[in-house]
């Protein structure tokens, strides 16, 4: 193989590996996870419990097994609706339904098993807001229904950031100008600077490196949802200290489901 051909092959390999790394990193912040501990009625840990998490929209099953401390984790779950099942010989089957995972959620679902037959089932229907105990940040999700149905001037979904609370749009041109995109906004979250907000789109950087405001968002029809997060952001999201706007497109959501 000639030297020039080897150089071209090395270049293609580098690009392919770089693309794969970006995809993995993007999934790390644009999807959700579930963790928890399994105990018995006497609050003793139960190891080797089979945990199954079923997407009620796609039928895709995610599974895990508790370790010696009764802990389990289900990472990299696409946003959507799920049911959770825990089974072990000698205990009744535990089923929890109506679990909703939104962008960047990290839910803790602890389970208590009751002695009995596996064929016996305990079902919990919990269509309520789950408490985020794994992170200290404050987050609100703007879901697809509000993105599609609320009136938007120019079909610009960045206007919806301000309805999350503690967010103000400096429409006087602060931090934006003739060199910014027409849809770039100077939005202050929780008292932060207008150019102190970090924007992610499908887990990738969506900031204008020249002005530190947002790059264009997709049209509302293409967005699945986005979250507005502030207060003690995780280190991986702390590029700008004011807040984090984390958007997921319908295309990425579909790709994440089918790549499991």
Protein backbone atom coordinates (compact mmCIF):
# COMPACT_ATOMS: atom_id res chain seq x y z
CA UNK A 1 0.00 0.00 0.00
CA UNK A 2 1.43 3.38 -1.00
CA UNK A 3 2.15 6.08 1.61
CA UNK A 4 -0.54 8.41 0.22
CA UNK A 5 -3.16 5.64 0.33
CA UNK A 6 -2.22 4.81 3.95
CA UNK A 7 -2.59 8.50 4.87
CA UNK A 8 -6.06 8.63 3.28
CA UNK A 9 -7.09 5.45 5.10
CA UNK A 10 -5.86 6.86 8.41
CA UNK A 11 -7.82 10.06 7.81
CA UNK A 12 -11.07 8.15 7.16
CA UNK A 13 -10.51 6.03 10.27
CA UNK A 14 -9.94 9.15 12.40
CA UNK A 15 -13.13 10.79 11.08
CA UNK A 16 -15.16 7.63 11.71
CA UNK A 17 -13.89 7.25 15.28
CA UNK A 18 -14.44 10.94 15.97
CA UNK A 19 -18.03 10.68 14.75
CA UNK A 20 -18.67 7.66 16.97
CA UNK A 21 -17.24 9.49 19.99
CA UNK A 22 -19.45 12.50 19.36
CA UNK A 23 -22.51 10.23 19.04
CA UNK A 24 -21.78 8.50 22.38
CA UNK A 25 -21.15 11.84 24.14
CA UNK A 26 -24.32 13.30 22.67
CA UNK A 27 -26.40 10.41 23.96
CA UNK A 28 -24.91 10.92 27.42
CA UNK A 29 -26.71 14.25 27.87
CA UNK A 30 -29.73 13.98 25.58
CA UNK A 31 -31.35 10.89 27.04
CA UNK A 32 -32.24 9.61 30.54
CA UNK A 33 -31.37 6.97 33.13
CA UNK A 34 -32.99 5.10 36.02
CA UNK A 35 -31.23 3.85 39.15
CA UNK A 36 -32.41 2.41 42.44
CA UNK A 37 -32.08 -0.15 45.22
CA UNK A 38 -34.13 -3.28 45.86
CA UNK A 39 -35.02 -4.18 49.48
CA UNK A 40 -37.25 -6.75 51.15
CA UNK A 41 -39.95 -6.07 53.76
CA UNK A 42 -37.27 -6.05 56.51
CA UNK A 43 -35.21 -3.44 54.62
CA UNK A 44 -32.49 -5.96 53.77
CA UNK A 45 -30.86 -5.61 50.34
CA UNK A 46 -31.86 -8.16 47.70
CA UNK A 47 -29.11 -9.05 45.18
CA UNK A 48 -29.51 -10.75 41.80
CA UNK A 49 -32.95 -9.30 41.12
CA UNK A 50 -33.79 -9.12 37.42
CA UNK A 51 -34.90 -5.61 36.44
CA UNK A 52 -36.71 -5.07 33.14
CA UNK A 53 -37.64 -1.65 31.79
CA UNK A 54 -40.04 -1.78 28.84
CA UNK A 55 -40.72 1.13 26.48
CA UNK A 56 -44.51 1.16 26.12
CA UNK A 57 -44.18 3.08 22.84
CA UNK A 58 -41.64 0.94 20.98
CA UNK A 59 -41.64 -2.39 22.84
CA UNK A 60 -37.85 -2.19 23.36
CA UNK A 61 -36.72 -3.90 26.58
CA UNK A 62 -33.81 -2.71 28.74
CA UNK A 63 -32.57 -4.98 31.51
CA UNK A 64 -30.23 -5.02 34.50
CA UNK A 65 -29.47 -7.17 37.57
CA UNK A 66 -28.99 -5.85 41.11
CA UNK A 67 -25.51 -6.21 42.60
CA UNK A 68 -24.58 -7.43 46.09
CA UNK A 69 -25.74 -4.12 47.55
CA UNK A 70 -29.14 -4.40 45.87
CA UNK A 71 -28.31 -1.58 43.45
CA UNK A 72 -29.19 -1.42 39.77
CA UNK A 73 -28.78 1.11 36.98
CA UNK A 74 -30.39 1.48 33.56
CA UNK A 75 -28.38 4.07 31.60
CA UNK A 76 -28.92 5.51 28.14
CA UNK A 77 -32.72 5.26 28.03
CA UNK A 78 -34.38 7.23 25.21
CA UNK A 79 -36.99 9.70 26.45
CA UNK A 80 -40.52 8.34 26.53
CA UNK A 81 -42.91 6.20 28.59
CA UNK A 82 -41.89 3.02 30.39
CA UNK A 83 -42.98 0.27 32.77
CA UNK A 84 -40.55 -1.32 35.25
CA UNK A 85 -40.60 -4.95 36.45
CA UNK A 86 -38.52 -6.63 39.18
CA UNK A 87 -38.48 -10.42 39.59
CA UNK A 88 -36.65 -12.94 41.77
CA UNK A 89 -37.50 -16.46 42.86
CA UNK A 90 -39.19 -16.45 46.28
CA UNK A 91 -40.66 -12.95 45.87
CA UNK A 92 -43.77 -11.55 44.27
CA UNK A 93 -43.21 -9.78 40.95
CA UNK A 94 -43.09 -5.99 41.31
CA UNK A 95 -44.45 -3.91 38.42
CA UNK A 96 -44.47 -0.14 38.19
CA UNK A 97 -46.28 1.48 35.28
CA UNK A 98 -46.65 4.98 33.83
CA UNK A 99 -43.01 6.04 34.18
CA UNK A 100 -42.23 9.10 32.07
CA UNK A 101 -38.61 9.90 31.25
CA UNK A 102 -37.75 13.35 29.92
CA UNK A 103 -34.54 14.83 28.58
CA UNK A 104 -31.55 14.42 30.93
CA UNK A 105 -33.68 12.78 33.67
CA UNK A 106 -31.84 10.68 36.24
CA UNK A 107 -34.62 9.03 38.26
CA UNK A 108 -34.19 6.96 41.39
CA UNK A 109 -36.82 4.22 41.71
CA UNK A 110 -36.39 2.13 44.84
CA UNK A 111 -38.27 -1.17 45.06
CA UNK A 112 -39.55 -3.20 48.00
CA UNK A 113 -40.17 -6.89 47.29
CA UNK A 114 -42.68 -9.01 49.19
CA UNK A 115 -42.13 -12.72 49.91
CA UNK A 116 -44.36 -14.89 47.73
CA UNK A 117 -44.65 -16.60 44.37
CA UNK A 118 -43.19 -15.02 41.22
CA UNK A 119 -46.57 -15.56 39.57
CA UNK A 120 -48.10 -13.14 42.10
CA UNK A 121 -47.85 -9.52 41.00
CA UNK A 122 -47.83 -6.21 42.82
CA UNK A 123 -48.63 -3.39 40.40
CA UNK A 124 -48.00 0.28 41.09
CA UNK A 125 -49.53 2.89 38.79
CA UNK A 126 -47.61 6.10 39.37
CA UNK A 127 -48.29 8.73 36.73
CA UNK A 128 -46.86 11.44 38.96
CA UNK A 129 -43.82 13.68 38.77
CA UNK A 130 -40.81 11.70 39.96
CA UNK A 131 -38.39 13.33 42.38
CA UNK A 132 -34.88 13.87 41.04
CA UNK A 133 -32.60 12.78 43.88
CA UNK A 134 -29.47 12.12 41.83
CA UNK A 135 -28.74 15.75 40.93
CA UNK A 136 -29.18 19.12 42.62
CA UNK A 137 -30.05 21.22 39.58
CA UNK A 138 -33.53 22.67 38.99
CA UNK A 139 -35.08 21.76 35.64
CA UNK A 140 -38.33 22.29 33.75
CA UNK A 141 -39.22 20.50 30.52
CA UNK A 142 -41.06 22.14 27.65
CA UNK A 143 -42.73 19.15 26.04
CA UNK A 144 -43.66 18.57 22.42
CA UNK A 145 -47.31 19.47 22.91
CA UNK A 146 -46.52 22.95 24.18
CA UNK A 147 -43.89 23.45 21.48
CA UNK A 148 -46.44 22.56 18.80
CA UNK A 149 -49.51 24.32 20.21
CA UNK A 150 -48.33 27.55 21.87
CA UNK A 151 -48.25 30.59 19.55
CA UNK A 152 -44.75 31.42 18.33
CA UNK A 153 -43.72 34.51 16.41
CA UNK A 154 -41.77 33.27 13.39
CA UNK A 155 -41.99 29.64 14.57
CA UNK A 156 -39.02 30.25 16.87
CA UNK A 157 -39.13 27.82 19.85
CA UNK A 158 -36.49 29.75 21.81
CA UNK A 159 -39.35 32.06 22.85
CA UNK A 160 -40.65 29.23 25.05
CA UNK A 161 -37.52 29.30 27.23
CA UNK A 162 -38.92 32.28 29.13
CA UNK A 163 -42.10 30.41 30.20
CA UNK A 164 -40.00 28.05 32.31
CA UNK A 165 -39.61 30.71 34.99
CA UNK A 166 -36.62 32.81 36.11
CA UNK A 167 -35.75 33.51 32.46
CA UNK A 168 -35.74 36.92 30.76
CA UNK A 169 -35.13 37.70 27.09
CA UNK A 170 -33.05 40.84 26.57
CA UNK A 171 -34.73 41.86 23.32
CA UNK A 172 -32.83 45.16 23.21
CA UNK A 173 -30.01 43.59 21.22
CA UNK A 174 -27.72 42.90 24.19
CA UNK A 175 -25.10 40.30 23.21
CA UNK A 176 -26.57 39.97 19.70
CA UNK A 177 -26.03 42.04 16.58
CA UNK A 178 -25.41 41.99 12.85
CA UNK A 179 -22.98 39.07 13.18
CA UNK A 180 -25.48 36.87 15.04
CA UNK A 181 -28.06 34.56 13.54
CA UNK A 182 -31.48 36.17 13.17
CA UNK A 183 -32.93 33.67 15.65
CA UNK A 184 -30.22 34.12 18.29
CA UNK A 185 -31.52 35.38 21.62
CA UNK A 186 -29.88 36.90 24.67
CA UNK A 187 -31.72 34.99 27.39
CA UNK A 188 -30.82 35.36 31.06
CA UNK A 189 -31.71 32.38 33.27
CA UNK A 190 -31.92 32.73 37.06
CA UNK A 191 -30.12 36.07 37.04
CA UNK A 192 -27.25 34.90 34.84
CA UNK A 193 -25.77 36.82 31.93
CA UNK A 194 -27.62 36.88 28.63
CA UNK A 195 -24.64 35.17 27.03
CA UNK A 196 -24.09 32.85 30.00
CA UNK A 197 -26.59 30.18 28.92
CA UNK A 198 -25.32 26.87 27.54
CA UNK A 199 -27.30 25.40 24.61
CA UNK A 200 -27.27 21.74 23.57
CA UNK A 201 -29.00 20.19 20.57
CA UNK A 202 -29.19 16.38 20.59
CA UNK A 203 -26.34 16.44 23.09
CA UNK A 204 -24.03 18.51 20.85
CA UNK A 205 -22.86 22.09 21.35
CA UNK A 206 -25.36 24.62 19.96
CA UNK A 207 -23.65 27.85 21.02
CA UNK A 208 -22.46 30.63 18.73
CA UNK A 209 -18.74 30.72 19.55
CA UNK A 210 -18.52 34.38 18.49
CA UNK A 211 -21.19 35.83 20.81
CA UNK A 212 -21.93 32.89 23.21
CA UNK A 213 -25.66 33.03 22.43
CA UNK A 214 -27.67 30.25 20.83
CA UNK A 215 -27.29 28.86 17.35
CA UNK A 216 -30.61 28.37 15.47
CA UNK A 217 -33.12 25.86 16.84
CA UNK A 218 -35.02 23.52 14.48
CA UNK A 219 -38.63 24.35 13.62
CA UNK A 220 -41.17 23.33 16.31
CA UNK A 221 -42.32 20.36 14.20
CA UNK A 222 -38.86 18.80 14.49
CA UNK A 223 -38.41 19.16 18.28
CA UNK A 224 -39.42 16.40 20.69
CA UNK A 225 -38.85 18.53 23.81
CA UNK A 226 -36.27 20.64 25.60
CA UNK A 227 -35.39 21.34 29.23
CA UNK A 228 -34.30 24.55 30.94
CA UNK A 229 -31.95 23.77 33.80
CA UNK A 230 -30.14 25.92 36.36
CA UNK A 231 -28.65 25.87 39.87
CA UNK A 232 -25.61 23.65 40.45
CA UNK A 233 -25.24 22.27 36.93
CA UNK A 234 -23.25 19.11 36.43
CA UNK A 235 -19.62 19.64 35.45
CA UNK A 236 -20.22 18.27 31.94
CA UNK A 237 -22.92 20.95 31.41
CA UNK A 238 -21.10 23.85 33.08
CA UNK A 239 -19.68 25.50 29.96
CA UNK A 240 -21.71 28.59 30.83
CA UNK A 241 -22.79 29.17 34.45
CA UNK A 242 -26.17 30.82 33.88
CA UNK A 243 -28.22 27.81 32.81
CA UNK A 244 -28.61 24.96 30.36
CA UNK A 245 -31.11 24.60 27.51
CA UNK A 246 -31.03 20.97 26.36
CA UNK A 247 -33.09 20.24 23.22
CA UNK A 248 -33.84 16.86 21.61
CA UNK A 249 -35.17 16.50 18.06
CA UNK A 250 -37.67 13.88 16.97
CA UNK A 251 -35.06 12.44 14.60
CA UNK A 252 -32.50 11.92 17.38
CA UNK A 253 -35.17 10.44 19.65
CA UNK A 254 -36.05 7.88 16.98
CA UNK A 255 -32.39 7.10 16.30
CA UNK A 256 -31.67 6.58 20.00
CA UNK A 257 -34.57 4.12 20.29
CA UNK A 258 -33.46 2.05 17.33
CA UNK A 259 -29.76 2.03 18.28
CA UNK A 260 -30.41 0.14 21.55
